[in-house]
Amino acid sequence: SGISKSLEGGKTYFGSPAEEAREKLKQIASVKEIPGILKKLKKI
């Protein structure tokens, strides 16, 4: 992880720039869905 600003205590962080880990992992999962969404759009 890359930390570019101060972070609150008591939480788990991930990514660059670092964010709360659950939110960051959701974002990564969403990015993986983009190719499938684009394929569906092409068929419309």
PDB file of all heavy atoms in Angstrom:
ATOM      1  N   SER A   1       0.839  -1.203   0.000  1.00  0.00           N
ATOM      2  CA  SER A   1       0.000   0.000   0.000  1.00  0.00           C
ATOM      3  C   SER A   1       0.876   1.256   0.000  1.00  0.00           C
ATOM      4  O   SER A   1       1.984   1.264   0.542  1.00  0.00           O
ATOM      5  CB  SER A   1      -0.911   0.015   1.225  1.00  0.00           C
ATOM      6  OG  SER A   1      -1.841  -1.054   1.168  1.00  0.00           O
ATOM      7  N   GLY A   2       0.353   2.320  -0.599  1.00  0.00           N
ATOM      8  CA  GLY A   2       1.034   3.605  -0.625  1.00  0.00           C
ATOM      9  C   GLY A   2       0.224   4.645   0.134  1.00  0.00           C
ATOM     10  O   GLY A   2      -0.938   4.889  -0.196  1.00  0.00           O
ATOM     11  N   ILE A   3       0.827   5.235   1.157  1.00  0.00           N
ATOM     12  CA  ILE A   3       0.107   6.186   2.008  1.00  0.00           C
ATOM     13  C   ILE A   3       0.528   7.600   1.639  1.00  0.00           C
ATOM     14  O   ILE A   3       1.690   7.978   1.796  1.00  0.00           O
ATOM     15  CB  ILE A   3       0.392   5.903   3.494  1.00  0.00           C
ATOM     16  CG1 ILE A   3      -0.104   4.497   3.853  1.00  0.00           C
ATOM     17  CG2 ILE A   3      -0.273   6.944   4.386  1.00  0.00           C
ATOM     18  CD1 ILE A   3       0.298   4.035   5.224  1.00  0.00           C
ATOM     19  N   SER A   4      -0.427   8.390   1.150  1.00  0.00           N
ATOM     20  CA  SER A   4      -0.142   9.744   0.687  1.00  0.00           C
ATOM     21  C   SER A   4      -0.684  10.818   1.616  1.00  0.00           C
ATOM     22  O   SER A   4      -0.489  12.007   1.364  1.00  0.00           O
ATOM     23  CB  SER A   4      -0.743   9.944  -0.714  1.00  0.00           C
ATOM     24  OG  SER A   4      -2.148   9.733  -0.686  1.00  0.00           O
ATOM     25  N   LYS A   5      -1.379  10.414   2.683  1.00  0.00           N
ATOM     26  CA  LYS A   5      -1.933  11.377   3.636  1.00  0.00           C
ATOM     27  C   LYS A   5      -2.134  10.665   4.969  1.00  0.00           C
ATOM     28  O   LYS A   5      -2.004   9.439   5.067  1.00  0.00           O
ATOM     29  CB  LYS A   5      -3.267  11.925   3.130  1.00  0.00           C
ATOM     30  CG  LYS A   5      -4.338  10.851   2.948  1.00  0.00           C
ATOM     31  CD  LYS A   5      -5.638  11.440   2.426  1.00  0.00           C
ATOM     32  CE  LYS A   5      -6.701  10.344   2.283  1.00  0.00           C
ATOM     33  NZ  LYS A   5      -7.981  10.901   1.764  1.00  0.00           N
ATOM     34  N   SER A   6      -2.475  11.425   5.986  1.00  0.00           N
ATOM     35  CA  SER A   6      -2.696  10.840   7.310  1.00  0.00           C
ATOM     36  C   SER A   6      -3.916   9.920   7.309  1.00  0.00           C
ATOM     37  O   SER A   6      -4.876  10.146   6.571  1.00  0.00           O
ATOM     38  CB  SER A   6      -2.880  11.944   8.357  1.00  0.00           C
ATOM     39  OG  SER A   6      -1.699  12.710   8.483  1.00  0.00           O
ATOM     40  N   LEU A   7      -3.856   8.871   8.151  1.00  0.00           N
ATOM     41  CA  LEU A   7      -4.931   7.889   8.232  1.00  0.00           C
ATOM     42  C   LEU A   7      -5.413   7.764   9.673  1.00  0.00           C
ATOM     43  O   LEU A   7      -4.608   7.801  10.605  1.00  0.00           O
ATOM     44  CB  LEU A   7      -4.443   6.519   7.741  1.00  0.00           C
ATOM     45  CG  LEU A   7      -3.918   6.446   6.310  1.00  0.00           C
ATOM     46  CD1 LEU A   7      -3.394   5.030   6.024  1.00  0.00           C
ATOM     47  CD2 LEU A   7      -4.990   6.826   5.300  1.00  0.00           C
ATOM     48  N   GLU A   8      -6.703   7.572   9.839  1.00  0.00           N
ATOM     49  CA  GLU A   8      -7.280   7.385  11.168  1.00  0.00           C
ATOM     50  C   GLU A   8      -6.864   6.038  11.751  1.00  0.00           C
ATOM     51  O   GLU A   8      -6.607   5.078  11.022  1.00  0.00           O
ATOM     52  CB  GLU A   8      -8.810   7.439  11.099  1.00  0.00           C
ATOM     53  CG  GLU A   8      -9.379   8.782  10.726  1.00  0.00           C
ATOM     54  CD  GLU A   8     -10.892   8.757  10.678  1.00  0.00           C
ATOM     55  OE1 GLU A   8     -11.486   7.752  11.140  1.00  0.00           O
ATOM     56  OE2 GLU A   8     -11.485   9.726  10.177  1.00  0.00           O
ATOM     57  N   GLY A   9      -6.858   5.978  13.064  1.00  0.00           N
ATOM     58  CA  GLY A   9      -6.532   4.732  13.729  1.00  0.00           C
ATOM     59  C   GLY A   9      -7.692   3.764  13.768  1.00  0.00           C
ATOM     60  O   GLY A   9      -8.835   4.105  13.426  1.00  0.00           O
ATOM     61  N   GLY A  10      -7.380   2.510  14.138  1.00  0.00           N
ATOM     62  CA  GLY A  10      -8.415   1.506  14.348  1.00  0.00           C
ATOM     63  C   GLY A  10      -9.035   0.949  13.091  1.00  0.00           C
ATOM     64  O   GLY A  10     -10.077   0.280  13.160  1.00  0.00           O
ATOM     65  N   LYS A  11      -8.442   1.186  11.935  1.00  0.00           N
ATOM     66  CA  LYS A  11      -8.989   0.701  10.673  1.00  0.00           C
ATOM     67  C   LYS A  11      -7.911  -0.039   9.888  1.00  0.00           C
ATOM     68  O   LYS A  11      -6.720   0.105  10.162  1.00  0.00           O
ATOM     69  CB  LYS A  11      -9.535   1.859   9.842  1.00  0.00           C
ATOM     70  CG  LYS A  11     -10.669   2.622  10.501  1.00  0.00           C
ATOM     71  CD  LYS A  11     -11.146   3.786   9.629  1.00  0.00           C
ATOM     72  CE  LYS A  11     -12.277   4.553  10.297  1.00  0.00           C
ATOM     73  NZ  LYS A  11     -12.738   5.698   9.471  1.00  0.00           N
ATOM     74  N   THR A  12      -8.350  -0.825   8.905  1.00  0.00           N
ATOM     75  CA  THR A  12      -7.432  -1.539   8.021  1.00  0.00           C
ATOM     76  C   THR A  12      -7.454  -0.885   6.653  1.00  0.00           C
ATOM     77  O   THR A  12      -8.528  -0.589   6.105  1.00  0.00           O
ATOM     78  CB  THR A  12      -7.830  -3.019   7.913  1.00  0.00           C
ATOM     79  OG1 THR A  12      -7.767  -3.615   9.215  1.00  0.00           O
ATOM     80  CG2 THR A  12      -6.893  -3.777   6.979  1.00  0.00           C
ATOM     81  N   TYR A  13      -6.260  -0.675   6.078  1.00  0.00           N
ATOM     82  CA  TYR A  13      -6.132   0.064   4.818  1.00  0.00           C
ATOM     83  C   TYR A  13      -5.398  -0.772   3.771  1.00  0.00           C
ATOM     84  O   TYR A  13      -4.590  -1.632   4.090  1.00  0.00           O
ATOM     85  CB  TYR A  13      -5.365   1.363   5.049  1.00  0.00           C
ATOM     86  CG  TYR A  13      -6.055   2.321   5.990  1.00  0.00           C
ATOM     87  CD1 TYR A  13      -5.779   2.285   7.363  1.00  0.00           C
ATOM     88  CD2 TYR A  13      -6.981   3.245   5.537  1.00  0.00           C
ATOM     89  CE1 TYR A  13      -6.416   3.149   8.230  1.00  0.00           C
ATOM     90  CE2 TYR A  13      -7.620   4.118   6.398  1.00  0.00           C
ATOM     91  CZ  TYR A  13      -7.332   4.065   7.745  1.00  0.00           C
ATOM     92  OH  TYR A  13      -7.958   4.927   8.610  1.00  0.00           O
ATOM     93  N   PHE A  14      -5.695  -0.449   2.488  1.00  0.00           N
ATOM     94  CA  PHE A  14      -5.053  -1.159   1.381  1.00  0.00           C
ATOM     95  C   PHE A  14      -5.072  -0.263   0.152  1.00  0.00           C
ATOM     96  O   PHE A  14      -5.973   0.561  -0.034  1.00  0.00           O
ATOM     97  CB  PHE A  14      -5.790  -2.468   1.079  1.00  0.00           C
ATOM     98  CG  PHE A  14      -5.273  -3.184  -0.139  1.00  0.00           C
ATOM     99  CD1 PHE A  14      -3.981  -3.693  -0.171  1.00  0.00           C
ATOM    100  CD2 PHE A  14      -6.064  -3.339  -1.259  1.00  0.00           C
ATOM    101  CE1 PHE A  14      -3.502  -4.349  -1.295  1.00  0.00           C
ATOM    102  CE2 PHE A  14      -5.595  -3.998  -2.389  1.00  0.00           C
ATOM    103  CZ  PHE A  14      -4.305  -4.508  -2.400  1.00  0.00           C
ATOM    104  N   GLY A  15      -4.070  -0.462  -0.707  1.00  0.00           N
ATOM    105  CA  GLY A  15      -4.052   0.195  -2.009  1.00  0.00           C
ATOM    106  C   GLY A  15      -3.144   1.405  -2.064  1.00  0.00           C
ATOM    107  O   GLY A  15      -2.515   1.797  -1.092  1.00  0.00           O
ATOM    108  N   SER A  16      -3.084   1.999  -3.263  1.00  0.00           N
ATOM    109  CA  SER A  16      -2.259   3.182  -3.486  1.00  0.00           C
ATOM    110  C   SER A  16      -3.002   4.159  -4.397  1.00  0.00           C
ATOM    111  O   SER A  16      -3.176   3.870  -5.576  1.00  0.00           O
ATOM    112  CB  SER A  16      -0.922   2.797  -4.116  1.00  0.00           C
ATOM    113  OG  SER A  16      -0.074   3.895  -4.215  1.00  0.00           O
ATOM    114  N   PRO A  17      -3.498   5.269  -3.852  1.00  0.00           N
ATOM    115  CA  PRO A  17      -3.379   5.673  -2.446  1.00  0.00           C
ATOM    116  C   PRO A  17      -4.236   4.799  -1.539  1.00  0.00           C
ATOM    117  O   PRO A  17      -5.296   4.310  -1.935  1.00  0.00           O
ATOM    118  CB  PRO A  17      -3.885   7.115  -2.452  1.00  0.00           C
ATOM    119  CG  PRO A  17      -4.815   7.183  -3.614  1.00  0.00           C
ATOM    120  CD  PRO A  17      -4.243   6.269  -4.657  1.00  0.00           C
ATOM    121  N   ALA A  18      -3.751   4.603  -0.316  1.00  0.00           N
ATOM    122  CA  ALA A  18      -4.416   3.693   0.610  1.00  0.00           C
ATOM    123  C   ALA A  18      -5.795   4.207   1.009  1.00  0.00           C
ATOM    124  O   ALA A  18      -5.984   5.392   1.279  1.00  0.00           O
ATOM    125  CB  ALA A  18      -3.548   3.509   1.857  1.00  0.00           C
ATOM    126  N   GLU A  19      -6.758   3.283   1.028  1.00  0.00           N
ATOM    127  CA  GLU A  19      -8.111   3.558   1.502  1.00  0.00           C
ATOM    128  C   GLU A  19      -8.520   2.399   2.409  1.00  0.00           C
ATOM    129  O   GLU A  19      -7.827   1.389   2.491  1.00  0.00           O
ATOM    130  CB  GLU A  19      -9.085   3.661   0.325  1.00  0.00           C
ATOM    131  CG  GLU A  19      -8.758   4.767  -0.669  1.00  0.00           C
ATOM    132  CD  GLU A  19      -9.721   4.786  -1.831  1.00  0.00           C
ATOM    133  OE1 GLU A  19     -10.920   4.515  -1.612  1.00  0.00           O
ATOM    134  OE2 GLU A  19      -9.287   5.044  -2.962  1.00  0.00           O
ATOM    135  N   GLU A  20      -9.669   2.537   3.065  1.00  0.00           N
ATOM    136  CA  GLU A  20     -10.142   1.418   3.878  1.00  0.00           C
ATOM    137  C   GLU A  20     -10.204   0.159   3.021  1.00  0.00           C
ATOM    138  O   GLU A  20     -10.695   0.185   1.892  1.00  0.00           O
ATOM    139  CB  GLU A  20     -11.511   1.739   4.472  1.00  0.00           C
ATOM    140  CG  GLU A  20     -11.429   2.725   5.637  1.00  0.00           C
ATOM    141  CD  GLU A  20     -12.724   2.786   6.414  1.00  0.00           C
ATOM    142  OE1 GLU A  20     -13.126   1.752   6.985  1.00  0.00           O
ATOM    143  OE2 GLU A  20     -13.334   3.870   6.435  1.00  0.00           O
ATOM    144  N   ALA A  21      -9.698  -0.936   3.560  1.00  0.00           N
ATOM    145  CA  ALA A  21      -9.474  -2.135   2.761  1.00  0.00           C
ATOM    146  C   ALA A  21     -10.753  -2.674   2.130  1.00  0.00           C
ATOM    147  O   ALA A  21     -10.760  -3.050   0.947  1.00  0.00           O
ATOM    148  CB  ALA A  21      -8.815  -3.210   3.624  1.00  0.00           C
ATOM    149  N   ARG A  22     -11.849  -2.723   2.874  1.00  0.00           N
ATOM    150  CA  ARG A  22     -13.094  -3.263   2.309  1.00  0.00           C
ATOM    151  C   ARG A  22     -13.552  -2.458   1.111  1.00  0.00           C
ATOM    152  O   ARG A  22     -13.959  -3.010   0.085  1.00  0.00           O
ATOM    153  CB  ARG A  22     -14.187  -3.284   3.377  1.00  0.00           C
ATOM    154  CG  ARG A  22     -14.010  -4.370   4.433  1.00  0.00           C
ATOM    155  CD  ARG A  22     -15.190  -4.407   5.368  1.00  0.00           C
ATOM    156  NE  ARG A  22     -15.045  -5.425   6.396  1.00  0.00           N
ATOM    157  CZ  ARG A  22     -15.931  -5.668   7.347  1.00  0.00           C
ATOM    158  NH1 ARG A  22     -17.046  -4.945   7.393  1.00  0.00           N
ATOM    159  NH2 ARG A  22     -15.726  -6.618   8.238  1.00  0.00           N
ATOM    160  N   GLU A  23     -13.484  -1.126   1.237  1.00  0.00           N
ATOM    161  CA  GLU A  23     -13.907  -0.266   0.133  1.00  0.00           C
ATOM    162  C   GLU A  23     -12.988  -0.437  -1.070  1.00  0.00           C
ATOM    163  O   GLU A  23     -13.440  -0.502  -2.218  1.00  0.00           O
ATOM    164  CB  GLU A  23     -13.913   1.193   0.599  1.00  0.00           C
ATOM    165  CG  GLU A  23     -14.337   2.194  -0.463  1.00  0.00           C
ATOM    166  CD  GLU A  23     -15.745   1.951  -0.989  1.00  0.00           C
ATOM    167  OE1 GLU A  23     -16.598   1.453  -0.221  1.00  0.00           O
ATOM    168  OE2 GLU A  23     -15.985   2.247  -2.174  1.00  0.00           O
ATOM    169  N   LYS A  24     -11.688  -0.530  -0.810  1.00  0.00           N
ATOM    170  CA  LYS A  24     -10.730  -0.683  -1.909  1.00  0.00           C
ATOM    171  C   LYS A  24     -10.918  -2.011  -2.629  1.00  0.00           C
ATOM    172  O   LYS A  24     -10.875  -2.075  -3.870  1.00  0.00           O
ATOM    173  CB  LYS A  24      -9.307  -0.595  -1.349  1.00  0.00           C
ATOM    174  CG  LYS A  24      -8.250  -0.357  -2.418  1.00  0.00           C
ATOM    175  CD  LYS A  24      -8.342   1.048  -2.975  1.00  0.00           C
ATOM    176  CE  LYS A  24      -7.218   1.360  -3.924  1.00  0.00           C
ATOM    177  NZ  LYS A  24      -7.266   2.746  -4.419  1.00  0.00           N
ATOM    178  N   LEU A  25     -11.161  -3.076  -1.877  1.00  0.00           N
ATOM    179  CA  LEU A  25     -11.365  -4.384  -2.494  1.00  0.00           C
ATOM    180  C   LEU A  25     -12.655  -4.419  -3.300  1.00  0.00           C
ATOM    181  O   LEU A  25     -12.738  -5.071  -4.351  1.00  0.00           O
ATOM    182  CB  LEU A  25     -11.352  -5.473  -1.426  1.00  0.00           C
ATOM    183  CG  LEU A  25      -9.984  -5.701  -0.751  1.00  0.00           C
ATOM    184  CD1 LEU A  25     -10.123  -6.616   0.448  1.00  0.00           C
ATOM    185  CD2 LEU A  25      -8.966  -6.255  -1.745  1.00  0.00           C
ATOM    186  N   LYS A  26     -13.696  -3.707  -2.842  1.00  0.00           N
ATOM    187  CA  LYS A  26     -14.928  -3.587  -3.624  1.00  0.00           C
ATOM    188  C   LYS A  26     -14.661  -2.886  -4.961  1.00  0.00           C
ATOM    189  O   LYS A  26     -15.179  -3.275  -6.002  1.00  0.00           O
ATOM    190  CB  LYS A  26     -15.980  -2.808  -2.838  1.00  0.00           C
ATOM    191  CG  LYS A  26     -16.631  -3.577  -1.702  1.00  0.00           C
ATOM    192  CD  LYS A  26     -17.639  -2.692  -0.984  1.00  0.00           C
ATOM    193  CE  LYS A  26     -18.238  -3.396   0.229  1.00  0.00           C
ATOM    194  NZ  LYS A  26     -19.182  -2.515   0.959  1.00  0.00           N
ATOM    195  N   GLN A  27     -13.825  -1.824  -4.903  1.00  0.00           N
ATOM    196  CA  GLN A  27     -13.482  -1.099  -6.129  1.00  0.00           C
ATOM    197  C   GLN A  27     -12.746  -2.008  -7.116  1.00  0.00           C
ATOM    198  O   GLN A  27     -13.028  -1.986  -8.318  1.00  0.00           O
ATOM    199  CB  GLN A  27     -12.611   0.109  -5.789  1.00  0.00           C
ATOM    200  CG  GLN A  27     -13.312   1.193  -5.004  1.00  0.00           C
ATOM    201  CD  GLN A  27     -12.366   2.289  -4.566  1.00  0.00           C
ATOM    202  OE1 GLN A  27     -11.241   2.402  -5.056  1.00  0.00           O
ATOM    203  NE2 GLN A  27     -12.808   3.112  -3.619  1.00  0.00           N
ATOM    204  N   ILE A  28     -11.803  -2.810  -6.585  1.00  0.00           N
ATOM    205  CA  ILE A  28     -11.055  -3.728  -7.457  1.00  0.00           C
ATOM    206  C   ILE A  28     -11.994  -4.751  -8.084  1.00  0.00           C
ATOM    207  O   ILE A  28     -11.896  -5.065  -9.282  1.00  0.00           O
ATOM    208  CB  ILE A  28      -9.939  -4.416  -6.648  1.00  0.00           C
ATOM    209  CG1 ILE A  28      -8.881  -3.386  -6.247  1.00  0.00           C
ATOM    210  CG2 ILE A  28      -9.299  -5.556  -7.443  1.00  0.00           C
ATOM    211  CD1 ILE A  28      -7.857  -3.895  -5.248  1.00  0.00           C
ATOM    212  N   ALA A  29     -12.925  -5.277  -7.275  1.00  0.00           N
ATOM    213  CA  ALA A  29     -13.899  -6.236  -7.802  1.00  0.00           C
ATOM    214  C   ALA A  29     -14.768  -5.593  -8.886  1.00  0.00           C
ATOM    215  O   ALA A  29     -15.079  -6.221  -9.919  1.00  0.00           O
ATOM    216  CB  ALA A  29     -14.778  -6.758  -6.671  1.00  0.00           C
ATOM    217  N   SER A  30     -15.137  -4.351  -8.690  1.00  0.00           N
ATOM    218  CA  SER A  30     -15.955  -3.646  -9.681  1.00  0.00           C
ATOM    219  C   SER A  30     -15.200  -3.437 -10.984  1.00  0.00           C
ATOM    220  O   SER A  30     -15.755  -3.577 -12.072  1.00  0.00           O
ATOM    221  CB  SER A  30     -16.408  -2.295  -9.124  1.00  0.00           C
ATOM    222  OG  SER A  30     -17.223  -2.464  -7.990  1.00  0.00           O
ATOM    223  N   VAL A  31     -13.905  -3.112 -10.871  1.00  0.00           N
ATOM    224  CA  VAL A  31     -13.087  -2.917 -12.075  1.00  0.00           C
ATOM    225  C   VAL A  31     -13.018  -4.201 -12.902  1.00  0.00           C
ATOM    226  O   VAL A  31     -13.071  -4.174 -14.144  1.00  0.00           O
ATOM    227  CB  VAL A  31     -11.675  -2.435 -11.681  1.00  0.00           C
ATOM    228  CG1 VAL A  31     -10.721  -2.497 -12.874  1.00  0.00           C
ATOM    229  CG2 VAL A  31     -11.733  -1.020 -11.129  1.00  0.00           C
ATOM    230  N   LYS A  32     -12.942  -5.344 -12.233  1.00  0.00           N
ATOM    231  CA  LYS A  32     -12.878  -6.627 -12.940  1.00  0.00           C
ATOM    232  C   LYS A  32     -14.154  -6.905 -13.739  1.00  0.00           C
ATOM    233  O   LYS A  32     -14.151  -7.691 -14.687  1.00  0.00           O
ATOM    234  CB  LYS A  32     -12.622  -7.754 -11.948  1.00  0.00           C
ATOM    235  CG  LYS A  32     -11.212  -7.760 -11.372  1.00  0.00           C
ATOM    236  CD  LYS A  32     -11.013  -8.922 -10.414  1.00  0.00           C
ATOM    237  CE  LYS A  32      -9.599  -8.967  -9.892  1.00  0.00           C
ATOM    238  NZ  LYS A  32      -9.374 -10.090  -8.953  1.00  0.00           N
ATOM    239  N   GLU A  33     -15.245  -6.283 -13.334  1.00  0.00           N
ATOM    240  CA  GLU A  33     -16.516  -6.501 -14.032  1.00  0.00           C
ATOM    241  C   GLU A  33     -16.659  -5.649 -15.290  1.00  0.00           C
ATOM    242  O   GLU A  33     -17.555  -5.889 -16.098  1.00  0.00           O
ATOM    243  CB  GLU A  33     -17.682  -6.185 -13.086  1.00  0.00           C
ATOM    244  CG  GLU A  33     -17.787  -7.162 -11.921  1.00  0.00           C
ATOM    245  CD  GLU A  33     -18.893  -6.781 -10.957  1.00  0.00           C
ATOM    246  OE1 GLU A  33     -19.606  -5.802 -11.257  1.00  0.00           O
ATOM    247  OE2 GLU A  33     -19.034  -7.439  -9.915  1.00  0.00           O
ATOM    248  N   ILE A  34     -15.779  -4.666 -15.482  1.00  0.00           N
ATOM    249  CA  ILE A  34     -15.914  -3.737 -16.607  1.00  0.00           C
ATOM    250  C   ILE A  34     -15.867  -4.443 -17.965  1.00  0.00           C
ATOM    251  O   ILE A  34     -16.699  -4.162 -18.834  1.00  0.00           O
ATOM    252  CB  ILE A  34     -14.844  -2.630 -16.507  1.00  0.00           C
ATOM    253  CG1 ILE A  34     -15.180  -1.702 -15.331  1.00  0.00           C
ATOM    254  CG2 ILE A  34     -14.762  -1.827 -17.807  1.00  0.00           C
ATOM    255  CD1 ILE A  34     -14.129  -0.643 -15.055  1.00  0.00           C
ATOM    256  N   PRO A  35     -14.923  -5.371 -18.226  1.00  0.00           N
ATOM    257  CA  PRO A  35     -14.920  -6.030 -19.547  1.00  0.00           C
ATOM    258  C   PRO A  35     -16.250  -6.721 -19.865  1.00  0.00           C
ATOM    259  O   PRO A  35     -16.737  -6.648 -20.995  1.00  0.00           O
ATOM    260  CB  PRO A  35     -13.778  -7.055 -19.423  1.00  0.00           C
ATOM    261  CG  PRO A  35     -12.862  -6.466 -18.402  1.00  0.00           C
ATOM    262  CD  PRO A  35     -13.764  -5.813 -17.405  1.00  0.00           C
ATOM    263  N   GLY A  36     -16.833  -7.388 -18.865  1.00  0.00           N
ATOM    264  CA  GLY A  36     -18.113  -8.040 -19.093  1.00  0.00           C
ATOM    265  C   GLY A  36     -19.212  -7.047 -19.384  1.00  0.00           C
ATOM    266  O   GLY A  36     -20.079  -7.298 -20.254  1.00  0.00           O
ATOM    267  N   ILE A  37     -19.225  -5.933 -18.714  1.00  0.00           N
ATOM    268  CA  ILE A  37     -20.225  -4.904 -18.961  1.00  0.00           C
ATOM    269  C   ILE A  37     -20.071  -4.340 -20.362  1.00  0.00           C
ATOM    270  O   ILE A  37     -21.067  -4.127 -21.077  1.00  0.00           O
ATOM    271  CB  ILE A  37     -20.077  -3.777 -17.906  1.00  0.00           C
ATOM    272  CG1 ILE A  37     -20.439  -4.300 -16.519  1.00  0.00           C
ATOM    273  CG2 ILE A  37     -20.945  -2.568 -18.270  1.00  0.00           C
ATOM    274  CD1 ILE A  37     -20.104  -3.343 -15.383  1.00  0.00           C
ATOM    275  N   LEU A  38     -18.820  -4.124 -20.799  1.00  0.00           N
ATOM    276  CA  LEU A  38     -18.586  -3.599 -22.144  1.00  0.00           C
ATOM    277  C   LEU A  38     -19.063  -4.575 -23.220  1.00  0.00           C
ATOM    278  O   LEU A  38     -19.620  -4.174 -24.257  1.00  0.00           O
ATOM    279  CB  LEU A  38     -17.076  -3.289 -22.322  1.00  0.00           C
ATOM    280  CG  LEU A  38     -16.532  -2.128 -21.508  1.00  0.00           C
ATOM    281  CD1 LEU A  38     -15.014  -2.028 -21.684  1.00  0.00           C
ATOM    282  CD2 LEU A  38     -17.207  -0.822 -21.887  1.00  0.00           C
ATOM    283  N   LYS A  39     -18.848  -5.886 -22.994  1.00  0.00           N
ATOM    284  CA  LYS A  39     -19.313  -6.883 -23.952  1.00  0.00           C
ATOM    285  C   LYS A  39     -20.831  -6.846 -24.100  1.00  0.00           C
ATOM    286  O   LYS A  39     -21.398  -6.930 -25.188  1.00  0.00           O
ATOM    287  CB  LYS A  39     -18.867  -8.274 -23.523  1.00  0.00           C
ATOM    288  CG  LYS A  39     -17.381  -8.552 -23.784  1.00  0.00           C
ATOM    289  CD  LYS A  39     -17.020  -9.953 -23.342  1.00  0.00           C
ATOM    290  CE  LYS A  39     -15.558 -10.238 -23.559  1.00  0.00           C
ATOM    291  NZ  LYS A  39     -15.186 -11.626 -23.141  1.00  0.00           N
ATOM    292  N   LYS A  40     -21.508  -6.710 -22.943  1.00  0.00           N
ATOM    293  CA  LYS A  40     -22.981  -6.633 -22.964  1.00  0.00           C
ATOM    294  C   LYS A  40     -23.453  -5.405 -23.708  1.00  0.00           C
ATOM    295  O   LYS A  40     -24.439  -5.450 -24.462  1.00  0.00           O
ATOM    296  CB  LYS A  40     -23.504  -6.641 -21.535  1.00  0.00           C
ATOM    297  CG  LYS A  40     -23.354  -7.976 -20.818  1.00  0.00           C
ATOM    298  CD  LYS A  40     -23.875  -7.885 -19.390  1.00  0.00           C
ATOM    299  CE  LYS A  40     -23.691  -9.214 -18.665  1.00  0.00           C
ATOM    300  NZ  LYS A  40     -24.179  -9.158 -17.245  1.00  0.00           N
ATOM    301  N   LEU A  41     -22.751  -4.291 -23.506  1.00  0.00           N
ATOM    302  CA  LEU A  41     -23.145  -3.050 -24.171  1.00  0.00           C
ATOM    303  C   LEU A  41     -23.004  -3.147 -25.698  1.00  0.00           C
ATOM    304  O   LEU A  41     -23.802  -2.605 -26.450  1.00  0.00           O
ATOM    305  CB  LEU A  41     -22.302  -1.874 -23.643  1.00  0.00           C
ATOM    306  CG  LEU A  41     -22.609  -1.437 -22.206  1.00  0.00           C
ATOM    307  CD1 LEU A  41     -21.593  -0.397 -21.738  1.00  0.00           C
ATOM    308  CD2 LEU A  41     -24.043  -0.873 -22.091  1.00  0.00           C
ATOM    309  N   LYS A  42     -21.949  -3.865 -26.138  1.00  0.00           N
ATOM    310  CA  LYS A  42     -21.748  -4.029 -27.575  1.00  0.00           C
ATOM    311  C   LYS A  42     -22.848  -4.837 -28.246  1.00  0.00           C
ATOM    312  O   LYS A  42     -23.172  -4.677 -29.406  1.00  0.00           O
ATOM    313  CB  LYS A  42     -20.379  -4.697 -27.830  1.00  0.00           C
ATOM    314  CG  LYS A  42     -19.196  -3.781 -27.603  1.00  0.00           C
ATOM    315  CD  LYS A  42     -17.890  -4.518 -27.864  1.00  0.00           C
ATOM    316  CE  LYS A  42     -16.721  -3.603 -27.619  1.00  0.00           C
ATOM    317  NZ  LYS A  42     -15.432  -4.305 -27.865  1.00  0.00           N
ATOM    318  N   LYS A  43     -23.451  -5.733 -27.445  1.00  0.00           N
ATOM    319  CA  LYS A  43     -24.502  -6.583 -27.994  1.00  0.00           C
ATOM    320  C   LYS A  43     -25.846  -5.840 -28.084  1.00  0.00           C
ATOM    321  O   LYS A  43     -26.769  -6.306 -28.751  1.00  0.00           O
ATOM    322  CB  LYS A  43     -24.659  -7.828 -27.129  1.00  0.00           C
ATOM    323  CG  LYS A  43     -23.465  -8.770 -27.212  1.00  0.00           C
ATOM    324  CD  LYS A  43     -23.657  -9.971 -26.298  1.00  0.00           C
ATOM    325  CE  LYS A  43     -22.460 -10.896 -26.349  1.00  0.00           C
ATOM    326  NZ  LYS A  43     -22.617 -12.068 -25.453  1.00  0.00           N
ATOM    327  N   ILE A  44     -25.942  -4.733 -27.348  1.00  0.00           N
ATOM    328  CA  ILE A  44     -27.212  -4.007 -27.353  1.00  0.00           C
ATOM    329  C   ILE A  44     -27.381  -3.219 -28.646  1.00  0.00           C
ATOM    330  O   ILE A  44     -26.490  -2.562 -29.118  1.00  0.00           O
ATOM    331  CB  ILE A  44     -27.285  -3.045 -26.127  1.00  0.00           C
ATOM    332  CG1 ILE A  44     -27.281  -3.851 -24.836  1.00  0.00           C
ATOM    333  CG2 ILE A  44     -28.529  -2.158 -26.215  1.00  0.00           C
ATOM    334  CD1 ILE A  44     -27.223  -3.002 -23.578  1.00  0.00           C
TER     335      ILE A  44
END
